[in-house]
Amino acid sequence: MAMNMVKRTISVIGGSDVDSESIRIAHEVGAEIARRGVTLVCGGMGGVMEAACKGAKENGGTTVGILPTDYKADGNSYLDIAIPTGLGYSRNFIVAKAGDAVIAINGSAGTLSEMAIAWFSNKPVVSLITSGGWAERLAGERIDVRREDVVYPANTAEEAVQAVFTALDWD
């Protein structure tokens, strides 16, 4: 398949145990990704991942879950494609690598690892400032002193997805 035919992807990362505001934001991010015709990739479980998938599915989007477990049935009910890895937290590497960019919503240590992997992979990392967790803490900050780039801060789902489109020079 020619490179320009490959479907665009955005990985949405964030915690499985988050507050209702993070769920609302994740739902909006998933919806915005779908409205722009981009495939949503995530860790496939609950919380931010499930809410983002639900938002995408309600807006005609495609969702992919990179599961930490051995079974497709463990994924959330809004996945089009469930990829069981049996890798536990090591699947975070795949989640971060699978997206052309990463959007972080809230999140704890797993989200932090995905943000770092995306950074090492030279992928844009966008954070929802109002969502809390590592996303809030790193919004507008440098992840590492070896580069000058920062985690793109966003206040809304639309700003977050637009930051990806701008960073990647997508039409």
Protein backbone atom coordinates (compact mmCIF):
# COMPACT_ATOMS: atom_id res chain seq x y z
CA MET A 1 0.00 0.00 0.00
CA ALA A 2 1.36 3.42 -0.90
CA MET A 3 2.33 5.53 2.09
CA ASN A 4 -0.25 8.21 1.30
CA MET A 5 -2.94 5.52 1.45
CA VAL A 6 -2.13 4.50 5.02
CA LYS A 7 -4.83 5.50 7.48
CA ARG A 8 -3.95 8.26 9.93
CA THR A 9 -3.94 7.24 13.59
CA ILE A 10 -3.94 9.07 16.90
CA SER A 11 -3.26 7.20 20.14
CA VAL A 12 -5.39 8.37 23.05
CA ILE A 13 -3.75 7.57 26.37
CA GLY A 14 -4.97 7.95 29.93
CA GLY A 15 -5.98 6.12 33.02
CA SER A 16 -8.54 3.38 33.46
CA ASP A 17 -9.59 4.81 36.85
CA VAL A 18 -10.29 8.52 36.36
CA ASP A 19 -12.87 11.13 37.35
CA SER A 20 -16.00 12.06 35.41
CA GLU A 21 -14.38 15.19 33.94
CA SER A 22 -11.62 13.10 32.35
CA ILE A 23 -14.28 10.72 30.99
CA ARG A 24 -16.13 13.68 29.46
CA ILE A 25 -12.94 15.06 27.90
CA ALA A 26 -11.95 11.62 26.55
CA HIS A 27 -15.39 11.17 24.97
CA GLU A 28 -15.03 14.56 23.25
CA VAL A 29 -11.50 13.74 22.03
CA GLY A 30 -12.68 10.45 20.55
CA ALA A 31 -15.59 12.21 18.84
CA GLU A 32 -13.29 14.87 17.36
CA ILE A 33 -10.82 12.26 16.10
CA ALA A 34 -13.66 10.41 14.35
CA ARG A 35 -15.14 13.59 12.86
CA ARG A 36 -11.77 14.25 11.24
CA GLY A 37 -11.58 10.77 9.74
CA VAL A 38 -8.67 9.54 11.86
CA THR A 39 -8.47 6.06 13.43
CA LEU A 40 -8.29 6.05 17.24
CA VAL A 41 -5.77 3.73 18.89
CA CYS A 42 -5.73 3.13 22.64
CA GLY A 43 -4.99 0.55 25.30
CA GLY A 44 -8.45 -0.90 24.79
CA MET A 45 -9.57 -1.06 28.39
CA GLY A 46 -11.85 1.16 30.54
CA GLY A 47 -11.77 4.74 31.75
CA VAL A 48 -10.24 7.22 29.30
CA MET A 49 -9.77 4.48 26.71
CA GLU A 50 -13.40 3.35 26.75
CA ALA A 51 -14.78 6.90 26.79
CA ALA A 52 -12.62 7.93 23.82
CA CYS A 53 -13.70 4.81 21.89
CA LYS A 54 -17.35 5.51 22.67
CA GLY A 55 -17.02 9.08 21.40
CA ALA A 56 -15.36 7.84 18.23
CA LYS A 57 -17.95 5.12 17.57
CA GLU A 58 -20.86 7.54 18.10
CA ASN A 59 -19.34 9.69 15.35
CA GLY A 60 -18.66 6.95 12.81
CA GLY A 61 -15.01 6.40 13.74
CA THR A 62 -12.79 3.35 13.79
CA THR A 63 -11.18 2.18 17.04
CA VAL A 64 -8.26 -0.13 17.78
CA GLY A 65 -7.36 -1.44 21.23
CA ILE A 66 -3.91 -2.80 22.09
CA LEU A 67 -4.87 -4.95 25.07
CA PRO A 68 -2.53 -5.86 27.94
CA THR A 69 -4.24 -9.25 28.31
CA ASP A 70 -4.44 -12.46 26.27
CA TYR A 71 -8.12 -12.17 25.34
CA LYS A 72 -10.02 -9.97 22.90
CA ALA A 73 -13.07 -10.20 25.17
CA ASP A 74 -11.22 -8.17 27.83
CA GLY A 75 -11.38 -5.03 25.68
CA ASN A 76 -14.06 -2.40 25.98
CA SER A 77 -17.27 -2.79 23.97
CA TYR A 78 -16.50 0.13 21.61
CA LEU A 79 -13.50 -1.48 19.91
CA ASP A 80 -13.59 -2.36 16.22
CA ILE A 81 -10.28 -4.17 16.44
CA ALA A 82 -8.99 -5.72 19.68
CA ILE A 83 -5.37 -6.86 19.66
CA PRO A 84 -4.57 -9.04 22.69
CA THR A 85 -0.86 -8.91 23.52
CA GLY A 86 -0.46 -10.66 26.88
CA LEU A 87 2.23 -8.04 27.54
CA GLY A 88 0.74 -6.20 30.52
CA TYR A 89 2.20 -2.71 30.81
CA SER A 90 4.74 -3.49 28.10
CA ARG A 91 1.89 -3.01 25.63
CA ASN A 92 2.24 0.74 26.36
CA PHE A 93 5.17 0.72 23.95
CA ILE A 94 2.91 -0.51 21.14
CA VAL A 95 0.13 1.95 22.00
CA ALA A 96 2.55 4.88 21.81
CA LYS A 97 4.20 3.65 18.62
CA ALA A 98 0.92 2.85 16.81
CA GLY A 99 -0.28 6.45 16.69
CA ASP A 100 1.08 9.16 14.42
CA ALA A 101 0.72 11.29 17.56
CA VAL A 102 -0.43 10.84 21.15
CA ILE A 103 -3.11 12.73 23.08
CA ALA A 104 -2.84 12.35 26.86
CA ILE A 105 -5.82 12.70 29.19
CA ASN A 106 -5.18 12.54 32.93
CA GLY A 107 -3.16 9.41 33.63
CA SER A 108 -0.72 7.89 36.06
CA ALA A 109 2.55 5.99 35.55
CA GLY A 110 1.32 4.03 32.50
CA THR A 111 0.36 7.25 30.74
CA LEU A 112 3.70 8.79 31.68
CA SER A 113 5.51 5.83 30.09
CA GLU A 114 3.49 6.22 26.88
CA MET A 115 4.26 9.94 26.75
CA ALA A 116 7.98 9.19 27.10
CA ILE A 117 7.87 6.48 24.42
CA ALA A 118 6.10 8.84 22.02
CA TRP A 119 8.73 11.51 22.77
CA PHE A 120 11.58 9.05 22.09
CA SER A 121 9.81 8.18 18.83
CA ASN A 122 9.63 11.84 17.74
CA LYS A 123 5.85 11.80 17.77
CA PRO A 124 3.85 14.86 18.81
CA VAL A 125 2.52 14.59 22.35
CA VAL A 126 -0.55 16.67 23.24
CA SER A 127 -1.95 17.03 26.76
CA LEU A 128 -5.37 18.11 27.96
CA ILE A 129 -4.49 20.69 30.61
CA THR A 130 -7.77 20.43 32.53
CA SER A 131 -7.77 16.63 32.83
CA GLY A 132 -5.35 16.25 35.73
CA GLY A 133 -2.68 13.60 36.19
CA TRP A 134 0.48 13.51 34.08
CA ALA A 135 -1.33 15.17 31.18
CA GLU A 136 -1.85 18.31 33.27
CA ARG A 137 1.60 18.18 34.86
CA LEU A 138 3.47 17.95 31.54
CA ALA A 139 1.31 20.25 29.39
CA GLY A 140 3.60 22.93 27.94
CA GLU A 141 6.69 21.31 29.49
CA ARG A 142 9.78 19.69 28.02
CA ILE A 143 9.91 15.95 28.67
CA ASP A 144 13.70 15.85 28.49
CA VAL A 145 16.49 18.45 28.43
CA ARG A 146 17.99 16.92 25.29
CA ARG A 147 15.39 18.59 23.07
CA GLU A 148 13.63 21.94 23.06
CA ASP A 149 10.16 20.67 22.06
CA VAL A 150 7.36 20.65 24.59
CA VAL A 151 4.20 18.67 25.21
CA TYR A 152 1.55 20.61 23.30
CA PRO A 153 -0.98 22.01 25.78
CA ALA A 154 -4.68 21.97 24.88
CA ASN A 155 -7.75 23.16 26.74
CA THR A 156 -10.37 21.38 24.62
CA ALA A 157 -10.74 18.26 22.52
CA GLU A 158 -10.85 20.36 19.36
CA GLU A 159 -7.60 22.15 20.34
CA ALA A 160 -5.93 18.82 21.09
CA VAL A 161 -6.79 17.23 17.75
CA GLN A 162 -5.98 20.46 15.90
CA ALA A 163 -2.54 20.48 17.59
CA VAL A 164 -1.90 17.03 16.09
CA PHE A 165 -3.04 18.18 12.64
CA THR A 166 -0.81 21.26 12.86
CA ALA A 167 2.22 19.38 14.19
CA LEU A 168 1.96 16.73 11.47
CA ASP A 169 0.99 19.18 8.71
CA TRP A 170 -2.22 17.26 7.97
CA ASP A 171 -4.85 19.02 5.85
